[in-house]
Full PDB file with SEQRES, HELIX, SHEET, SSBOND, CRYST1, ORIGX, SCALE, CONECT and MASTER records, all heavy atoms in Angstrom:
SEQRES   1 A   36  LYS ASN PHE GLN GLY LEU THR GLU LYS ALA GLU GLY ALA          
SEQRES   2 A   36  ALA LYS ASP ALA ALA ASN THR LEU GLY GLN ALA THR GLN          
SEQRES   3 A   36  ASN ALA VAL ASN GLN ILE THR ASP ALA SER                      
HELIX    1 AA1 ASN A    2  ALA A   35  1                                  34    
CRYST1    1.000    1.000    1.000  90.00  90.00  90.00 P 1           1          
ORIGX1      1.000000  0.000000  0.000000        0.00000                         
ORIGX2      0.000000  1.000000  0.000000        0.00000                         
ORIGX3      0.000000  0.000000  1.000000        0.00000                         
SCALE1      1.000000  0.000000  0.000000        0.00000                         
SCALE2      0.000000  1.000000  0.000000        0.00000                         
SCALE3      0.000000  0.000000  1.000000        0.00000                         
ATOM      1  N   LYS A   1       0.830  -1.210   0.000  1.00  0.00           N  
ATOM      2  CA  LYS A   1       0.000   0.000   0.000  1.00  0.00           C  
ATOM      3  C   LYS A   1       0.867   1.264   0.000  1.00  0.00           C  
ATOM      4  O   LYS A   1       0.598   2.215  -0.725  1.00  0.00           O  
ATOM      5  CB  LYS A   1      -0.925  -0.018   1.216  1.00  0.00           C  
ATOM      6  CG  LYS A   1      -1.948   1.079   1.229  1.00  0.00           C  
ATOM      7  CD  LYS A   1      -2.911   0.909   2.386  1.00  0.00           C  
ATOM      8  CE  LYS A   1      -3.993   1.965   2.311  1.00  0.00           C  
ATOM      9  NZ  LYS A   1      -4.944   1.866   3.399  1.00  0.00           N  
ATOM     10  N   ASN A   2       1.923   1.261   0.821  1.00  0.00           N  
ATOM     11  CA  ASN A   2       2.826   2.409   0.862  1.00  0.00           C  
ATOM     12  C   ASN A   2       3.558   2.587  -0.470  1.00  0.00           C  
ATOM     13  O   ASN A   2       3.743   3.707  -0.942  1.00  0.00           O  
ATOM     14  CB  ASN A   2       3.850   2.252   1.986  1.00  0.00           C  
ATOM     15  CG  ASN A   2       3.227   2.472   3.356  1.00  0.00           C  
ATOM     16  OD1 ASN A   2       2.171   3.086   3.464  1.00  0.00           O  
ATOM     17  ND2 ASN A   2       3.879   1.962   4.382  1.00  0.00           N  
ATOM     18  N   PHE A   3       3.976   1.464  -1.055  1.00  0.00           N  
ATOM     19  CA  PHE A   3       4.669   1.524  -2.336  1.00  0.00           C  
ATOM     20  C   PHE A   3       3.731   2.075  -3.416  1.00  0.00           C  
ATOM     21  O   PHE A   3       4.142   2.900  -4.238  1.00  0.00           O  
ATOM     22  CB  PHE A   3       5.179   0.134  -2.729  1.00  0.00           C  
ATOM     23  CG  PHE A   3       5.955   0.142  -4.009  1.00  0.00           C  
ATOM     24  CD1 PHE A   3       7.247   0.654  -4.043  1.00  0.00           C  
ATOM     25  CD2 PHE A   3       5.397  -0.342  -5.198  1.00  0.00           C  
ATOM     26  CE1 PHE A   3       7.968   0.671  -5.223  1.00  0.00           C  
ATOM     27  CE2 PHE A   3       6.109  -0.312  -6.363  1.00  0.00           C  
ATOM     28  CZ  PHE A   3       7.398   0.184  -6.386  1.00  0.00           C  
ATOM     29  N   GLN A   4       2.471   1.654  -3.400  1.00  0.00           N  
ATOM     30  CA  GLN A   4       1.482   2.152  -4.375  1.00  0.00           C  
ATOM     31  C   GLN A   4       1.287   3.657  -4.202  1.00  0.00           C  
ATOM     32  O   GLN A   4       1.210   4.391  -5.177  1.00  0.00           O  
ATOM     33  CB  GLN A   4       0.140   1.423  -4.203  1.00  0.00           C  
ATOM     34  CG  GLN A   4      -0.941   1.840  -5.179  1.00  0.00           C  
ATOM     35  CD  GLN A   4      -0.595   1.517  -6.627  1.00  0.00           C  
ATOM     36  OE1 GLN A   4       0.114   0.558  -6.902  1.00  0.00           O  
ATOM     37  NE2 GLN A   4      -1.078   2.326  -7.532  1.00  0.00           N  
ATOM     38  N   GLY A   5       1.238   4.132  -2.965  1.00  0.00           N  
ATOM     39  CA  GLY A   5       1.080   5.559  -2.706  1.00  0.00           C  
ATOM     40  C   GLY A   5       2.263   6.357  -3.221  1.00  0.00           C  
ATOM     41  O   GLY A   5       2.095   7.431  -3.809  1.00  0.00           O  
ATOM     42  N   LEU A   6       3.474   5.829  -2.998  1.00  0.00           N  
ATOM     43  CA  LEU A   6       4.665   6.506  -3.510  1.00  0.00           C  
ATOM     44  C   LEU A   6       4.690   6.522  -5.036  1.00  0.00           C  
ATOM     45  O   LEU A   6       5.077   7.518  -5.651  1.00  0.00           O  
ATOM     46  CB  LEU A   6       5.931   5.821  -2.984  1.00  0.00           C  
ATOM     47  CG  LEU A   6       6.245   6.057  -1.507  1.00  0.00           C  
ATOM     48  CD1 LEU A   6       7.440   5.199  -1.088  1.00  0.00           C  
ATOM     49  CD2 LEU A   6       6.537   7.520  -1.236  1.00  0.00           C  
ATOM     50  N   THR A   7       4.263   5.428  -5.622  1.00  0.00           N  
ATOM     51  CA  THR A   7       4.222   5.346  -7.084  1.00  0.00           C  
ATOM     52  C   THR A   7       3.258   6.384  -7.643  1.00  0.00           C  
ATOM     53  O   THR A   7       3.573   7.082  -8.619  1.00  0.00           O  
ATOM     54  CB  THR A   7       3.796   3.926  -7.531  1.00  0.00           C  
ATOM     55  OG1 THR A   7       4.731   2.977  -7.019  1.00  0.00           O  
ATOM     56  CG2 THR A   7       3.763   3.811  -9.036  1.00  0.00           C  
ATOM     57  N   GLU A   8       2.098   6.500  -7.029  1.00  0.00           N  
ATOM     58  CA  GLU A   8       1.098   7.476  -7.488  1.00  0.00           C  
ATOM     59  C   GLU A   8       1.622   8.900  -7.331  1.00  0.00           C  
ATOM     60  O   GLU A   8       1.425   9.750  -8.214  1.00  0.00           O  
ATOM     61  CB  GLU A   8      -0.215   7.289  -6.735  1.00  0.00           C  
ATOM     62  CG  GLU A   8      -0.951   6.016  -7.128  1.00  0.00           C  
ATOM     63  CD  GLU A   8      -2.166   5.733  -6.253  1.00  0.00           C  
ATOM     64  OE1 GLU A   8      -2.462   6.530  -5.334  1.00  0.00           O  
ATOM     65  OE2 GLU A   8      -2.812   4.710  -6.497  1.00  0.00           O  
ATOM     66  N   LYS A   9       2.299   9.178  -6.227  1.00  0.00           N  
ATOM     67  CA  LYS A   9       2.868  10.509  -6.019  1.00  0.00           C  
ATOM     68  C   LYS A   9       3.943  10.802  -7.057  1.00  0.00           C  
ATOM     69  O   LYS A   9       4.019  11.920  -7.608  1.00  0.00           O  
ATOM     70  CB  LYS A   9       3.444  10.633  -4.608  1.00  0.00           C  
ATOM     71  CG  LYS A   9       2.398  10.765  -3.532  1.00  0.00           C  
ATOM     72  CD  LYS A   9       3.033  10.919  -2.164  1.00  0.00           C  
ATOM     73  CE  LYS A   9       1.975  10.996  -1.088  1.00  0.00           C  
ATOM     74  NZ  LYS A   9       2.559  11.125   0.251  1.00  0.00           N  
ATOM     75  N   ALA A  10       4.776   9.834  -7.338  1.00  0.00           N  
ATOM     76  CA  ALA A  10       5.837  10.018  -8.329  1.00  0.00           C  
ATOM     77  C   ALA A  10       5.241  10.247  -9.711  1.00  0.00           C  
ATOM     78  O   ALA A  10       5.708  11.108 -10.464  1.00  0.00           O  
ATOM     79  CB  ALA A  10       6.772   8.816  -8.342  1.00  0.00           C  
ATOM     80  N   GLU A  11       4.210   9.480 -10.045  1.00  0.00           N  
ATOM     81  CA  GLU A  11       3.559   9.664 -11.343  1.00  0.00           C  
ATOM     82  C   GLU A  11       2.910  11.046 -11.438  1.00  0.00           C  
ATOM     83  O   GLU A  11       2.989  11.707 -12.480  1.00  0.00           O  
ATOM     84  CB  GLU A  11       2.506   8.574 -11.570  1.00  0.00           C  
ATOM     85  CG  GLU A  11       3.101   7.209 -11.850  1.00  0.00           C  
ATOM     86  CD  GLU A  11       2.041   6.109 -11.927  1.00  0.00           C  
ATOM     87  OE1 GLU A  11       0.848   6.372 -11.630  1.00  0.00           O  
ATOM     88  OE2 GLU A  11       2.413   4.981 -12.280  1.00  0.00           O  
ATOM     89  N   GLY A  12       2.279  11.480 -10.352  1.00  0.00           N  
ATOM     90  CA  GLY A  12       1.664  12.808 -10.333  1.00  0.00           C  
ATOM     91  C   GLY A  12       2.705  13.903 -10.496  1.00  0.00           C  
ATOM     92  O   GLY A  12       2.501  14.865 -11.250  1.00  0.00           O  
ATOM     93  N   ALA A  13       3.823  13.761  -9.821  1.00  0.00           N  
ATOM     94  CA  ALA A  13       4.899  14.748  -9.918  1.00  0.00           C  
ATOM     95  C   ALA A  13       5.471  14.765 -11.336  1.00  0.00           C  
ATOM     96  O   ALA A  13       5.758  15.844 -11.882  1.00  0.00           O  
ATOM     97  CB  ALA A  13       5.998  14.444  -8.901  1.00  0.00           C  
ATOM     98  N   ALA A  14       5.617  13.592 -11.928  1.00  0.00           N  
ATOM     99  CA  ALA A  14       6.143  13.520 -13.296  1.00  0.00           C  
ATOM    100  C   ALA A  14       5.172  14.180 -14.276  1.00  0.00           C  
ATOM    101  O   ALA A  14       5.593  14.904 -15.187  1.00  0.00           O  
ATOM    102  CB  ALA A  14       6.392  12.069 -13.688  1.00  0.00           C  
ATOM    103  N   LYS A  15       3.884  13.951 -14.094  1.00  0.00           N  
ATOM    104  CA  LYS A  15       2.883  14.581 -14.970  1.00  0.00           C  
ATOM    105  C   LYS A  15       2.892  16.092 -14.799  1.00  0.00           C  
ATOM    106  O   LYS A  15       2.809  16.839 -15.784  1.00  0.00           O  
ATOM    107  CB  LYS A  15       1.489  14.021 -14.677  1.00  0.00           C  
ATOM    108  CG  LYS A  15       1.274  12.624 -15.193  1.00  0.00           C  
ATOM    109  CD  LYS A  15      -0.113  12.104 -14.850  1.00  0.00           C  
ATOM    110  CE  LYS A  15      -0.289  10.667 -15.260  1.00  0.00           C  
ATOM    111  NZ  LYS A  15      -1.605  10.140 -14.881  1.00  0.00           N  
ATOM    112  N   ASP A  16       2.996  16.548 -13.562  1.00  0.00           N  
ATOM    113  CA  ASP A  16       3.061  17.995 -13.311  1.00  0.00           C  
ATOM    114  C   ASP A  16       4.291  18.613 -13.969  1.00  0.00           C  
ATOM    115  O   ASP A  16       4.212  19.692 -14.580  1.00  0.00           O  
ATOM    116  CB  ASP A  16       3.089  18.280 -11.800  1.00  0.00           C  
ATOM    117  CG  ASP A  16       1.759  18.008 -11.120  1.00  0.00           C  
ATOM    118  OD1 ASP A  16       0.738  17.857 -11.833  1.00  0.00           O  
ATOM    119  OD2 ASP A  16       1.741  17.950  -9.873  1.00  0.00           O  
ATOM    120  N   ALA A  17       5.427  17.932 -13.855  1.00  0.00           N  
ATOM    121  CA  ALA A  17       6.657  18.432 -14.469  1.00  0.00           C  
ATOM    122  C   ALA A  17       6.521  18.473 -15.994  1.00  0.00           C  
ATOM    123  O   ALA A  17       6.931  19.447 -16.640  1.00  0.00           O  
ATOM    124  CB  ALA A  17       7.839  17.560 -14.060  1.00  0.00           C  
ATOM    125  N   ALA A  18       5.919  17.444 -16.553  1.00  0.00           N  
ATOM    126  CA  ALA A  18       5.729  17.408 -18.012  1.00  0.00           C  
ATOM    127  C   ALA A  18       4.794  18.524 -18.457  1.00  0.00           C  
ATOM    128  O   ALA A  18       5.035  19.175 -19.480  1.00  0.00           O  
ATOM    129  CB  ALA A  18       5.184  16.050 -18.432  1.00  0.00           C  
ATOM    130  N   ASN A  19       3.731  18.752 -17.707  1.00  0.00           N  
ATOM    131  CA  ASN A  19       2.798  19.833 -18.047  1.00  0.00           C  
ATOM    132  C   ASN A  19       3.474  21.200 -17.959  1.00  0.00           C  
ATOM    133  O   ASN A  19       3.269  22.065 -18.813  1.00  0.00           O  
ATOM    134  CB  ASN A  19       1.572  19.796 -17.135  1.00  0.00           C  
ATOM    135  CG  ASN A  19       0.656  18.636 -17.446  1.00  0.00           C  
ATOM    136  OD1 ASN A  19       0.668  18.097 -18.545  1.00  0.00           O  
ATOM    137  ND2 ASN A  19      -0.138  18.226 -16.467  1.00  0.00           N  
ATOM    138  N   THR A  20       4.281  21.389 -16.925  1.00  0.00           N  
ATOM    139  CA  THR A  20       5.005  22.652 -16.761  1.00  0.00           C  
ATOM    140  C   THR A  20       5.985  22.862 -17.905  1.00  0.00           C  
ATOM    141  O   THR A  20       6.068  23.958 -18.479  1.00  0.00           O  
ATOM    142  CB  THR A  20       5.750  22.669 -15.412  1.00  0.00           C  
ATOM    143  OG1 THR A  20       4.786  22.530 -14.367  1.00  0.00           O  
ATOM    144  CG2 THR A  20       6.508  23.954 -15.210  1.00  0.00           C  
ATOM    145  N   LEU A  21       6.707  21.823 -18.265  1.00  0.00           N  
ATOM    146  CA  LEU A  21       7.648  21.909 -19.379  1.00  0.00           C  
ATOM    147  C   LEU A  21       6.905  22.188 -20.679  1.00  0.00           C  
ATOM    148  O   LEU A  21       7.338  23.023 -21.480  1.00  0.00           O  
ATOM    149  CB  LEU A  21       8.452  20.614 -19.497  1.00  0.00           C  
ATOM    150  CG  LEU A  21       9.444  20.548 -20.658  1.00  0.00           C  
ATOM    151  CD1 LEU A  21      10.483  21.661 -20.546  1.00  0.00           C  
ATOM    152  CD2 LEU A  21      10.112  19.188 -20.699  1.00  0.00           C  
ATOM    153  N   GLY A  22       5.782  21.527 -20.882  1.00  0.00           N  
ATOM    154  CA  GLY A  22       4.989  21.752 -22.086  1.00  0.00           C  
ATOM    155  C   GLY A  22       4.507  23.187 -22.175  1.00  0.00           C  
ATOM    156  O   GLY A  22       4.554  23.806 -23.248  1.00  0.00           O  
ATOM    157  N   GLN A  23       4.046  23.739 -21.073  1.00  0.00           N  
ATOM    158  CA  GLN A  23       3.566  25.125 -21.063  1.00  0.00           C  
ATOM    159  C   GLN A  23       4.715  26.098 -21.300  1.00  0.00           C  
ATOM    160  O   GLN A  23       4.570  27.068 -22.036  1.00  0.00           O  
ATOM    161  CB  GLN A  23       2.876  25.449 -19.733  1.00  0.00           C  
ATOM    162  CG  GLN A  23       2.225  26.817 -19.711  1.00  0.00           C  
ATOM    163  CD  GLN A  23       1.160  26.986 -20.787  1.00  0.00           C  
ATOM    164  OE1 GLN A  23       0.264  26.178 -20.916  1.00  0.00           O  
ATOM    165  NE2 GLN A  23       1.257  28.045 -21.565  1.00  0.00           N  
ATOM    166  N   ALA A  24       5.867  25.828 -20.690  1.00  0.00           N  
ATOM    167  CA  ALA A  24       7.031  26.692 -20.901  1.00  0.00           C  
ATOM    168  C   ALA A  24       7.467  26.651 -22.361  1.00  0.00           C  
ATOM    169  O   ALA A  24       7.812  27.692 -22.950  1.00  0.00           O  
ATOM    170  CB  ALA A  24       8.180  26.256 -19.993  1.00  0.00           C  
ATOM    171  N   THR A  25       7.432  25.476 -22.949  1.00  0.00           N  
ATOM    172  CA  THR A  25       7.793  25.341 -24.369  1.00  0.00           C  
ATOM    173  C   THR A  25       6.816  26.117 -25.231  1.00  0.00           C  
ATOM    174  O   THR A  25       7.218  26.830 -26.162  1.00  0.00           O  
ATOM    175  CB  THR A  25       7.811  23.856 -24.773  1.00  0.00           C  
ATOM    176  OG1 THR A  25       8.757  23.170 -23.951  1.00  0.00           O  
ATOM    177  CG2 THR A  25       8.182  23.683 -26.228  1.00  0.00           C  
ATOM    178  N   GLN A  26       5.522  26.001 -24.945  1.00  0.00           N  
ATOM    179  CA  GLN A  26       4.509  26.719 -25.723  1.00  0.00           C  
ATOM    180  C   GLN A  26       4.688  28.226 -25.589  1.00  0.00           C  
ATOM    181  O   GLN A  26       4.578  28.959 -26.566  1.00  0.00           O  
ATOM    182  CB  GLN A  26       3.097  26.323 -25.270  1.00  0.00           C  
ATOM    183  CG  GLN A  26       1.994  26.944 -26.102  1.00  0.00           C  
ATOM    184  CD  GLN A  26       2.058  26.530 -27.565  1.00  0.00           C  
ATOM    185  OE1 GLN A  26       2.121  25.355 -27.866  1.00  0.00           O  
ATOM    186  NE2 GLN A  26       2.039  27.490 -28.462  1.00  0.00           N  
ATOM    187  N   ASN A  27       4.991  28.692 -24.381  1.00  0.00           N  
ATOM    188  CA  ASN A  27       5.230  30.122 -24.173  1.00  0.00           C  
ATOM    189  C   ASN A  27       6.432  30.601 -24.988  1.00  0.00           C  
ATOM    190  O   ASN A  27       6.396  31.676 -25.587  1.00  0.00           O  
ATOM    191  CB  ASN A  27       5.450  30.427 -22.692  1.00  0.00           C  
ATOM    192  CG  ASN A  27       4.182  30.274 -21.865  1.00  0.00           C  
ATOM    193  OD1 ASN A  27       3.079  30.218 -22.392  1.00  0.00           O  
ATOM    194  ND2 ASN A  27       4.344  30.175 -20.557  1.00  0.00           N  
ATOM    195  N   ALA A  28       7.491  29.792 -25.006  1.00  0.00           N  
ATOM    196  CA  ALA A  28       8.679  30.159 -25.774  1.00  0.00           C  
ATOM    197  C   ALA A  28       8.363  30.211 -27.266  1.00  0.00           C  
ATOM    198  O   ALA A  28       8.785  31.144 -27.963  1.00  0.00           O  
ATOM    199  CB  ALA A  28       9.811  29.168 -25.500  1.00  0.00           C  
ATOM    200  N   VAL A  29       7.617  29.242 -27.746  1.00  0.00           N  
ATOM    201  CA  VAL A  29       7.233  29.227 -29.168  1.00  0.00           C  
ATOM    202  C   VAL A  29       6.399  30.460 -29.490  1.00  0.00           C  
ATOM    203  O   VAL A  29       6.597  31.108 -30.530  1.00  0.00           O  
ATOM    204  CB  VAL A  29       6.470  27.932 -29.512  1.00  0.00           C  
ATOM    205  CG1 VAL A  29       5.814  28.021 -30.881  1.00  0.00           C  
ATOM    206  CG2 VAL A  29       7.411  26.733 -29.449  1.00  0.00           C  
ATOM    207  N   ASN A  30       5.475  30.806 -28.614  1.00  0.00           N  
ATOM    208  CA  ASN A  30       4.635  31.993 -28.841  1.00  0.00           C  
ATOM    209  C   ASN A  30       5.483  33.263 -28.909  1.00  0.00           C  
ATOM    210  O   ASN A  30       5.243  34.134 -29.747  1.00  0.00           O  
ATOM    211  CB  ASN A  30       3.576  32.121 -27.751  1.00  0.00           C  
ATOM    212  CG  ASN A  30       2.513  31.055 -27.834  1.00  0.00           C  
ATOM    213  OD1 ASN A  30       2.365  30.384 -28.852  1.00  0.00           O  
ATOM    214  ND2 ASN A  30       1.769  30.877 -26.762  1.00  0.00           N  
ATOM    215  N   GLN A  31       6.451  33.389 -28.004  1.00  0.00           N  
ATOM    216  CA  GLN A  31       7.311  34.568 -28.000  1.00  0.00           C  
ATOM    217  C   GLN A  31       8.150  34.645 -29.269  1.00  0.00           C  
ATOM    218  O   GLN A  31       8.309  35.722 -29.855  1.00  0.00           O  
ATOM    219  CB  GLN A  31       8.212  34.560 -26.765  1.00  0.00           C  
ATOM    220  CG  GLN A  31       7.469  34.841 -25.475  1.00  0.00           C  
ATOM    221  CD  GLN A  31       8.368  34.772 -24.255  1.00  0.00           C  
ATOM    222  OE1 GLN A  31       9.534  34.415 -24.355  1.00  0.00           O  
ATOM    223  NE2 GLN A  31       7.824  35.119 -23.103  1.00  0.00           N  
ATOM    224  N   ILE A  32       8.670  33.505 -29.705  1.00  0.00           N  
ATOM    225  CA  ILE A  32       9.466  33.477 -30.935  1.00  0.00           C  
ATOM    226  C   ILE A  32       8.594  33.839 -32.131  1.00  0.00           C  
ATOM    227  O   ILE A  32       9.006  34.607 -33.001  1.00  0.00           O  
ATOM    228  CB  ILE A  32      10.126  32.095 -31.116  1.00  0.00           C  
ATOM    229  CG1 ILE A  32      11.195  31.885 -30.039  1.00  0.00           C  
ATOM    230  CG2 ILE A  32      10.710  31.941 -32.514  1.00  0.00           C  
ATOM    231  CD1 ILE A  32      11.695  30.463 -29.925  1.00  0.00           C  
ATOM    232  N   THR A  33       7.386  33.301 -32.165  1.00  0.00           N  
ATOM    233  CA  THR A  33       6.461  33.596 -33.265  1.00  0.00           C  
ATOM    234  C   THR A  33       6.119  35.077 -33.301  1.00  0.00           C  
ATOM    235  O   THR A  33       6.129  35.698 -34.375  1.00  0.00           O  
ATOM    236  CB  THR A  33       5.172  32.757 -33.125  1.00  0.00           C  
ATOM    237  OG1 THR A  33       5.526  31.372 -33.128  1.00  0.00           O  
ATOM    238  CG2 THR A  33       4.204  33.031 -34.242  1.00  0.00           C  
ATOM    239  N   ASP A  34       5.833  35.652 -32.144  1.00  0.00           N  
ATOM    240  CA  ASP A  34       5.516  37.083 -32.075  1.00  0.00           C  
ATOM    241  C   ASP A  34       6.705  37.930 -32.536  1.00  0.00           C  
ATOM    242  O   ASP A  34       6.542  38.881 -33.302  1.00  0.00           O  
ATOM    243  CB  ASP A  34       5.122  37.487 -30.648  1.00  0.00           C  
ATOM    244  CG  ASP A  34       3.769  36.928 -30.224  1.00  0.00           C  
ATOM    245  OD1 ASP A  34       3.009  36.460 -31.103  1.00  0.00           O  
ATOM    246  OD2 ASP A  34       3.473  36.956 -29.011  1.00  0.00           O  
ATOM    247  N   ALA A  35       7.893  37.579 -32.067  1.00  0.00           N  
ATOM    248  CA  ALA A  35       9.093  38.334 -32.448  1.00  0.00           C  
ATOM    249  C   ALA A  35       9.356  38.210 -33.949  1.00  0.00           C  
ATOM    250  O   ALA A  35       9.710  39.197 -34.604  1.00  0.00           O  
ATOM    251  CB  ALA A  35      10.300  37.840 -31.654  1.00  0.00           C  
ATOM    252  N   SER A  36       9.156  37.019 -34.483  1.00  0.00           N  
ATOM    253  CA  SER A  36       9.360  36.819 -35.920  1.00  0.00           C  
ATOM    254  C   SER A  36       8.376  37.640 -36.731  1.00  0.00           C  
ATOM    255  O   SER A  36       8.744  38.256 -37.732  1.00  0.00           O  
ATOM    256  CB  SER A  36       9.208  35.333 -36.277  1.00  0.00           C  
ATOM    257  OG  SER A  36      10.197  34.566 -35.644  1.00  0.00           O  
TER     258      SER A  36                                                      
MASTER        0    0    0    1    0    0    0    6  257    1    0    3          
END                                                                             
């Protein structure tokens, strides 16, 4: 049960990190597009 909880937390953290990276990438693309 403890291992399952840690796994779920790790997966949630990984998803959050991926979402943050995706948003940062999109923001960078938008800025480059605007500047271009």
